Amino acid sequence: MNNINLARKLRKNLTPQERVLWKIFRNHNFYGYEIRRQSPIGNYIVDFVCRKKKIIIEIDGGQHNSPEIILADKKRTEYLTSKGYKVIRFWNKDINDNMEGVYKRLQEEFGISDCPPP
């Protein structure tokens, strides 16, 4: 399966945490920024990307604590940053238990200050 078809499949099967963020991002709801979900970049498919701001948002579950995945994530991040992107990672637990903190961090990363959520 190529990356485009895999990305389409992943869009149909978002994790609960990805669904929470997608409700915020869809239809340019996040301060007018276009943010795409499950988007191919090179050989990778990123959870969310804002191409205008060159920001990638990744949502990680517990499997990302294993040594193999930590190494793969490092390699992935190095590749994406070499393409000019900033990679922001949140744990599933952050989305579940601290959405206010996640939202504030996103505002900071996008350069949005002192604005209430849309």
N, C-alpha and C. Protein backbone atom coordinates (compact mmCIF):
# COMPACT_ATOMS: atom_id res chain seq x y z
N MET A 1 0.85 -1.17 0.00
CA MET A 1 0.00 0.00 0.00
C MET A 1 0.90 1.24 0.00
N ASN A 2 0.65 2.17 -0.91
CA ASN A 2 1.47 3.37 -0.95
C ASN A 2 1.03 4.36 0.14
N ASN A 3 1.84 5.40 0.35
CA ASN A 3 1.57 6.35 1.43
C ASN A 3 0.24 7.07 1.28
N ILE A 4 -0.15 7.38 0.07
CA ILE A 4 -1.42 8.10 -0.14
C ILE A 4 -2.59 7.22 0.28
N ASN A 5 -2.58 5.97 -0.14
CA ASN A 5 -3.67 5.07 0.26
C ASN A 5 -3.65 4.78 1.75
N LEU A 6 -2.47 4.63 2.32
CA LEU A 6 -2.36 4.40 3.75
C LEU A 6 -2.87 5.62 4.52
N ALA A 7 -2.53 6.81 4.06
CA ALA A 7 -3.01 8.04 4.72
C ALA A 7 -4.53 8.10 4.68
N ARG A 8 -5.13 7.75 3.55
CA ARG A 8 -6.60 7.74 3.47
C ARG A 8 -7.20 6.77 4.48
N LYS A 9 -6.59 5.60 4.59
CA LYS A 9 -7.06 4.59 5.54
C LYS A 9 -6.94 5.11 6.97
N LEU A 10 -5.81 5.74 7.29
CA LEU A 10 -5.60 6.27 8.63
C LEU A 10 -6.58 7.40 8.96
N ARG A 11 -6.94 8.21 7.96
CA ARG A 11 -7.92 9.29 8.19
C ARG A 11 -9.27 8.74 8.63
N LYS A 12 -9.59 7.56 8.13
CA LYS A 12 -10.87 6.94 8.48
C LYS A 12 -10.83 6.26 9.84
N ASN A 13 -9.63 6.07 10.39
CA ASN A 13 -9.47 5.33 11.64
C ASN A 13 -8.66 6.13 12.66
N LEU A 14 -9.04 7.37 12.89
CA LEU A 14 -8.33 8.20 13.86
C LEU A 14 -8.47 7.62 15.26
N THR A 15 -7.43 7.81 16.06
CA THR A 15 -7.52 7.42 17.47
C THR A 15 -8.44 8.41 18.19
N PRO A 16 -8.95 8.05 19.36
CA PRO A 16 -9.81 9.00 20.10
C PRO A 16 -9.11 10.34 20.35
N GLN A 17 -7.82 10.32 20.63
CA GLN A 17 -7.09 11.55 20.89
C GLN A 17 -6.94 12.38 19.61
N GLU A 18 -6.71 11.72 18.48
CA GLU A 18 -6.65 12.43 17.21
C GLU A 18 -7.99 13.06 16.87
N ARG A 19 -9.07 12.37 17.21
CA ARG A 19 -10.41 12.93 16.97
C ARG A 19 -10.63 14.21 17.76
N VAL A 20 -10.15 14.23 19.00
CA VAL A 20 -10.28 15.44 19.83
C VAL A 20 -9.60 16.62 19.16
N LEU A 21 -8.36 16.42 18.71
CA LEU A 21 -7.64 17.52 18.04
C LEU A 21 -8.26 17.86 16.70
N TRP A 22 -8.73 16.87 15.97
CA TRP A 22 -9.32 17.15 14.66
C TRP A 22 -10.55 18.03 14.80
N LYS A 23 -11.31 17.89 15.86
CA LYS A 23 -12.47 18.77 16.10
C LYS A 23 -12.02 20.22 16.22
N ILE A 24 -10.84 20.44 16.76
CA ILE A 24 -10.29 21.79 16.89
C ILE A 24 -9.75 22.30 15.56
N PHE A 25 -9.09 21.43 14.80
CA PHE A 25 -8.38 21.84 13.60
C PHE A 25 -9.23 21.91 12.33
N ARG A 26 -10.23 21.08 12.22
CA ARG A 26 -10.95 20.96 10.94
C ARG A 26 -11.59 22.28 10.52
N ASN A 27 -11.75 22.43 9.23
CA ASN A 27 -12.40 23.61 8.63
C ASN A 27 -11.74 24.93 9.06
N HIS A 28 -10.43 24.93 9.23
CA HIS A 28 -9.67 26.13 9.60
C HIS A 28 -10.14 26.71 10.93
N ASN A 29 -10.65 25.87 11.82
CA ASN A 29 -11.15 26.34 13.11
C ASN A 29 -10.06 26.83 14.04
N PHE A 30 -8.83 26.43 13.85
CA PHE A 30 -7.75 26.86 14.73
C PHE A 30 -7.17 28.16 14.19
N TYR A 31 -7.79 29.27 14.54
CA TYR A 31 -7.33 30.61 14.20
C TYR A 31 -7.11 30.80 12.70
N GLY A 32 -7.89 30.10 11.90
CA GLY A 32 -7.83 30.25 10.46
C GLY A 32 -6.75 29.43 9.76
N TYR A 33 -5.94 28.70 10.50
CA TYR A 33 -4.88 27.90 9.89
C TYR A 33 -5.43 26.63 9.28
N GLU A 34 -4.92 26.29 8.11
CA GLU A 34 -5.26 25.02 7.49
C GLU A 34 -4.34 23.95 8.05
N ILE A 35 -4.94 23.00 8.73
CA ILE A 35 -4.19 21.89 9.31
C ILE A 35 -4.76 20.61 8.75
N ARG A 36 -3.91 19.82 8.17
CA ARG A 36 -4.33 18.55 7.55
C ARG A 36 -4.00 17.40 8.49
N ARG A 37 -4.80 16.34 8.38
CA ARG A 37 -4.59 15.15 9.21
C ARG A 37 -4.05 14.02 8.36
N GLN A 38 -3.26 13.17 8.99
CA GLN A 38 -2.71 11.98 8.33
C GLN A 38 -2.19 12.33 6.93
N SER A 39 -1.18 13.15 6.92
CA SER A 39 -0.65 13.69 5.67
C SER A 39 0.74 13.12 5.36
N PRO A 40 0.95 12.63 4.14
CA PRO A 40 2.27 12.10 3.78
C PRO A 40 3.31 13.21 3.62
N ILE A 41 4.49 12.98 4.19
CA ILE A 41 5.66 13.84 3.97
C ILE A 41 6.83 12.88 3.81
N GLY A 42 7.35 12.84 2.62
CA GLY A 42 8.40 11.86 2.32
C GLY A 42 7.86 10.46 2.52
N ASN A 43 8.59 9.63 3.23
CA ASN A 43 8.15 8.26 3.50
C ASN A 43 7.31 8.14 4.76
N TYR A 44 6.99 9.26 5.37
CA TYR A 44 6.24 9.26 6.62
C TYR A 44 4.83 9.81 6.44
N ILE A 45 3.97 9.42 7.36
CA ILE A 45 2.63 10.00 7.42
C ILE A 45 2.52 10.63 8.80
N VAL A 46 2.35 11.96 8.82
CA VAL A 46 2.29 12.68 10.09
C VAL A 46 0.84 12.80 10.53
N ASP A 47 0.64 12.88 11.85
CA ASP A 47 -0.72 12.96 12.37
C ASP A 47 -1.41 14.24 11.90
N PHE A 48 -0.76 15.39 12.10
CA PHE A 48 -1.31 16.68 11.68
C PHE A 48 -0.17 17.55 11.18
N VAL A 49 -0.48 18.37 10.17
CA VAL A 49 0.53 19.29 9.65
C VAL A 49 -0.13 20.60 9.24
N CYS A 50 0.54 21.69 9.60
CA CYS A 50 0.20 23.01 9.08
C CYS A 50 1.37 23.40 8.19
N ARG A 51 1.16 23.32 6.90
CA ARG A 51 2.26 23.58 5.97
C ARG A 51 2.66 25.06 5.97
N LYS A 52 1.72 25.95 6.18
CA LYS A 52 2.02 27.38 6.20
C LYS A 52 3.00 27.72 7.33
N LYS A 53 2.78 27.16 8.52
CA LYS A 53 3.64 27.43 9.67
C LYS A 53 4.78 26.41 9.80
N LYS A 54 4.76 25.37 8.94
CA LYS A 54 5.77 24.31 8.98
C LYS A 54 5.80 23.64 10.36
N ILE A 55 4.61 23.34 10.87
CA ILE A 55 4.47 22.68 12.17
C ILE A 55 3.79 21.33 11.98
N ILE A 56 4.38 20.31 12.59
CA ILE A 56 3.80 18.97 12.61
C ILE A 56 3.42 18.65 14.04
N ILE A 57 2.23 18.09 14.22
CA ILE A 57 1.76 17.70 15.55
C ILE A 57 1.57 16.20 15.55
N GLU A 58 2.28 15.54 16.45
CA GLU A 58 2.21 14.09 16.58
C GLU A 58 1.59 13.74 17.93
N ILE A 59 0.73 12.73 17.93
CA ILE A 59 0.09 12.23 19.14
C ILE A 59 0.63 10.82 19.38
N ASP A 60 1.26 10.63 20.53
CA ASP A 60 1.93 9.37 20.81
C ASP A 60 1.25 8.60 21.93
N GLY A 61 1.11 7.31 21.73
CA GLY A 61 0.61 6.40 22.76
C GLY A 61 1.77 5.74 23.48
N GLY A 62 1.45 4.86 24.40
CA GLY A 62 2.44 4.19 25.23
C GLY A 62 3.47 3.40 24.45
N GLN A 63 3.13 2.91 23.27
CA GLN A 63 4.08 2.13 22.48
C GLN A 63 5.31 2.96 22.11
N HIS A 64 5.21 4.28 22.20
CA HIS A 64 6.33 5.15 21.84
C HIS A 64 7.40 5.19 22.94
N ASN A 65 7.19 4.43 24.03
CA ASN A 65 8.19 4.33 25.10
C ASN A 65 9.19 3.22 24.87
N SER A 66 8.97 2.36 23.88
CA SER A 66 9.90 1.26 23.66
C SER A 66 11.17 1.78 22.98
N PRO A 67 12.31 1.17 23.27
CA PRO A 67 13.57 1.64 22.69
C PRO A 67 13.55 1.70 21.16
N GLU A 68 12.94 0.71 20.52
CA GLU A 68 12.90 0.69 19.04
C GLU A 68 12.10 1.87 18.50
N ILE A 69 10.96 2.14 19.13
CA ILE A 69 10.10 3.23 18.65
C ILE A 69 10.74 4.58 18.97
N ILE A 70 11.38 4.69 20.12
CA ILE A 70 12.08 5.94 20.45
C ILE A 70 13.12 6.25 19.37
N LEU A 71 13.87 5.25 18.97
CA LEU A 71 14.87 5.44 17.92
C LEU A 71 14.22 5.79 16.58
N ALA A 72 13.14 5.10 16.24
CA ALA A 72 12.43 5.39 14.98
C ALA A 72 11.85 6.80 15.00
N ASP A 73 11.28 7.22 16.15
CA ASP A 73 10.74 8.57 16.27
C ASP A 73 11.83 9.63 16.12
N LYS A 74 13.01 9.33 16.67
CA LYS A 74 14.15 10.26 16.57
C LYS A 74 14.55 10.43 15.10
N LYS A 75 14.65 9.31 14.40
CA LYS A 75 15.00 9.34 12.98
C LYS A 75 13.94 10.10 12.17
N ARG A 76 12.70 9.84 12.47
CA ARG A 76 11.58 10.50 11.81
C ARG A 76 11.64 12.01 12.05
N THR A 77 11.84 12.40 13.31
CA THR A 77 11.90 13.83 13.64
C THR A 77 13.07 14.49 12.94
N GLU A 78 14.22 13.82 12.90
CA GLU A 78 15.39 14.38 12.20
C GLU A 78 15.08 14.62 10.73
N TYR A 79 14.42 13.66 10.10
CA TYR A 79 14.06 13.82 8.69
C TYR A 79 13.11 15.01 8.51
N LEU A 80 12.06 15.07 9.33
CA LEU A 80 11.06 16.13 9.19
C LEU A 80 11.66 17.51 9.47
N THR A 81 12.53 17.60 10.46
CA THR A 81 13.17 18.89 10.73
C THR A 81 14.14 19.27 9.60
N SER A 82 14.73 18.27 8.95
CA SER A 82 15.61 18.57 7.81
C SER A 82 14.81 19.16 6.64
N LYS A 83 13.51 18.93 6.65
CA LYS A 83 12.63 19.49 5.62
C LYS A 83 12.04 20.83 6.06
N GLY A 84 12.50 21.33 7.21
CA GLY A 84 12.07 22.65 7.67
C GLY A 84 10.90 22.67 8.62
N TYR A 85 10.44 21.51 9.06
CA TYR A 85 9.29 21.42 9.96
C TYR A 85 9.72 21.41 11.42
N LYS A 86 8.87 21.94 12.26
CA LYS A 86 9.03 21.79 13.71
C LYS A 86 8.04 20.70 14.12
N VAL A 87 8.52 19.73 14.87
CA VAL A 87 7.68 18.61 15.30
C VAL A 87 7.32 18.81 16.77
N ILE A 88 6.04 18.82 17.05
CA ILE A 88 5.52 18.94 18.41
C ILE A 88 4.86 17.61 18.75
N ARG A 89 5.20 17.06 19.89
CA ARG A 89 4.64 15.77 20.30
C ARG A 89 3.83 15.93 21.58
N PHE A 90 2.69 15.27 21.59
CA PHE A 90 1.86 15.17 22.78
C PHE A 90 1.59 13.70 23.05
N TRP A 91 1.52 13.35 24.31
CA TRP A 91 1.12 12.00 24.70
C TRP A 91 -0.40 11.91 24.70
N ASN A 92 -0.93 10.73 24.46
CA ASN A 92 -2.37 10.52 24.57
C ASN A 92 -2.89 11.03 25.91
N LYS A 93 -2.12 10.79 26.97
CA LYS A 93 -2.51 11.22 28.31
C LYS A 93 -2.67 12.74 28.38
N ASP A 94 -1.82 13.47 27.66
CA ASP A 94 -1.96 14.94 27.62
C ASP A 94 -3.31 15.33 27.05
N ILE A 95 -3.70 14.69 25.97
CA ILE A 95 -4.98 15.00 25.33
C ILE A 95 -6.13 14.62 26.25
N ASN A 96 -6.01 13.48 26.91
CA ASN A 96 -7.07 13.00 27.78
C ASN A 96 -7.22 13.82 29.05
N ASP A 97 -6.09 14.22 29.64
CA ASP A 97 -6.11 14.79 30.99
C ASP A 97 -5.74 16.26 31.10
N ASN A 98 -5.18 16.84 30.04
CA ASN A 98 -4.71 18.23 30.14
C ASN A 98 -4.92 18.97 28.82
N MET A 99 -6.13 18.92 28.31
CA MET A 99 -6.40 19.55 27.02
C MET A 99 -6.15 21.06 27.06
N GLU A 100 -6.41 21.67 28.19
CA GLU A 100 -6.15 23.11 28.31
C GLU A 100 -4.65 23.41 28.10
N GLY A 101 -3.80 22.59 28.71
CA GLY A 101 -2.36 22.75 28.54
C GLY A 101 -1.93 22.50 27.10
N VAL A 102 -2.52 21.49 26.46
CA VAL A 102 -2.23 21.20 25.05
C VAL A 102 -2.61 22.39 24.19
N TYR A 103 -3.79 22.94 24.43
CA TYR A 103 -4.27 24.07 23.64
C TYR A 103 -3.34 25.28 23.81
N LYS A 104 -2.94 25.55 25.05
CA LYS A 104 -2.03 26.67 25.30
C LYS A 104 -0.69 26.47 24.59
N ARG A 105 -0.20 25.25 24.62
CA ARG A 105 1.08 24.96 23.93
C ARG A 105 0.93 25.17 22.42
N LEU A 106 -0.20 24.74 21.86
CA LEU A 106 -0.43 24.95 20.43
C LEU A 106 -0.48 26.45 20.12
N GLN A 107 -1.16 27.22 20.95
CA GLN A 107 -1.20 28.67 20.74
C GLN A 107 0.21 29.25 20.74
N GLU A 108 1.04 28.83 21.70
CA GLU A 108 2.42 29.31 21.77
C GLU A 108 3.19 28.96 20.50
N GLU A 109 3.08 27.71 20.08
CA GLU A 109 3.83 27.25 18.90
C GLU A 109 3.40 27.97 17.63
N PHE A 110 2.12 28.33 17.55
CA PHE A 110 1.60 29.02 16.38
C PHE A 110 1.75 30.54 16.49
N GLY A 111 2.28 31.01 17.63
CA GLY A 111 2.48 32.44 17.82
C GLY A 111 1.20 33.20 18.09
N ILE A 112 0.26 32.54 18.74
CA ILE A 112 -1.03 33.16 19.07
C ILE A 112 -0.99 33.49 20.55
N SER A 113 -1.10 34.77 20.88
CA SER A 113 -1.02 35.14 22.29
C SER A 113 -2.30 35.84 22.73
N ASP A 114 -2.65 35.58 23.95
CA ASP A 114 -3.77 36.27 24.61
C ASP A 114 -5.07 36.24 23.79
N CYS A 115 -5.31 35.15 23.13
CA CYS A 115 -6.55 35.01 22.36
C CYS A 115 -7.38 33.88 22.98
N PRO A 116 -8.66 34.11 23.18
CA PRO A 116 -9.49 33.00 23.62
C PRO A 116 -9.65 31.98 22.51
N PRO A 117 -9.96 30.73 22.86
CA PRO A 117 -10.20 29.73 21.81
C PRO A 117 -11.32 30.19 20.89
N PRO A 118 -11.21 29.89 19.61
CA PRO A 118 -12.27 30.28 18.66
C PRO A 118 -13.57 29.56 18.94
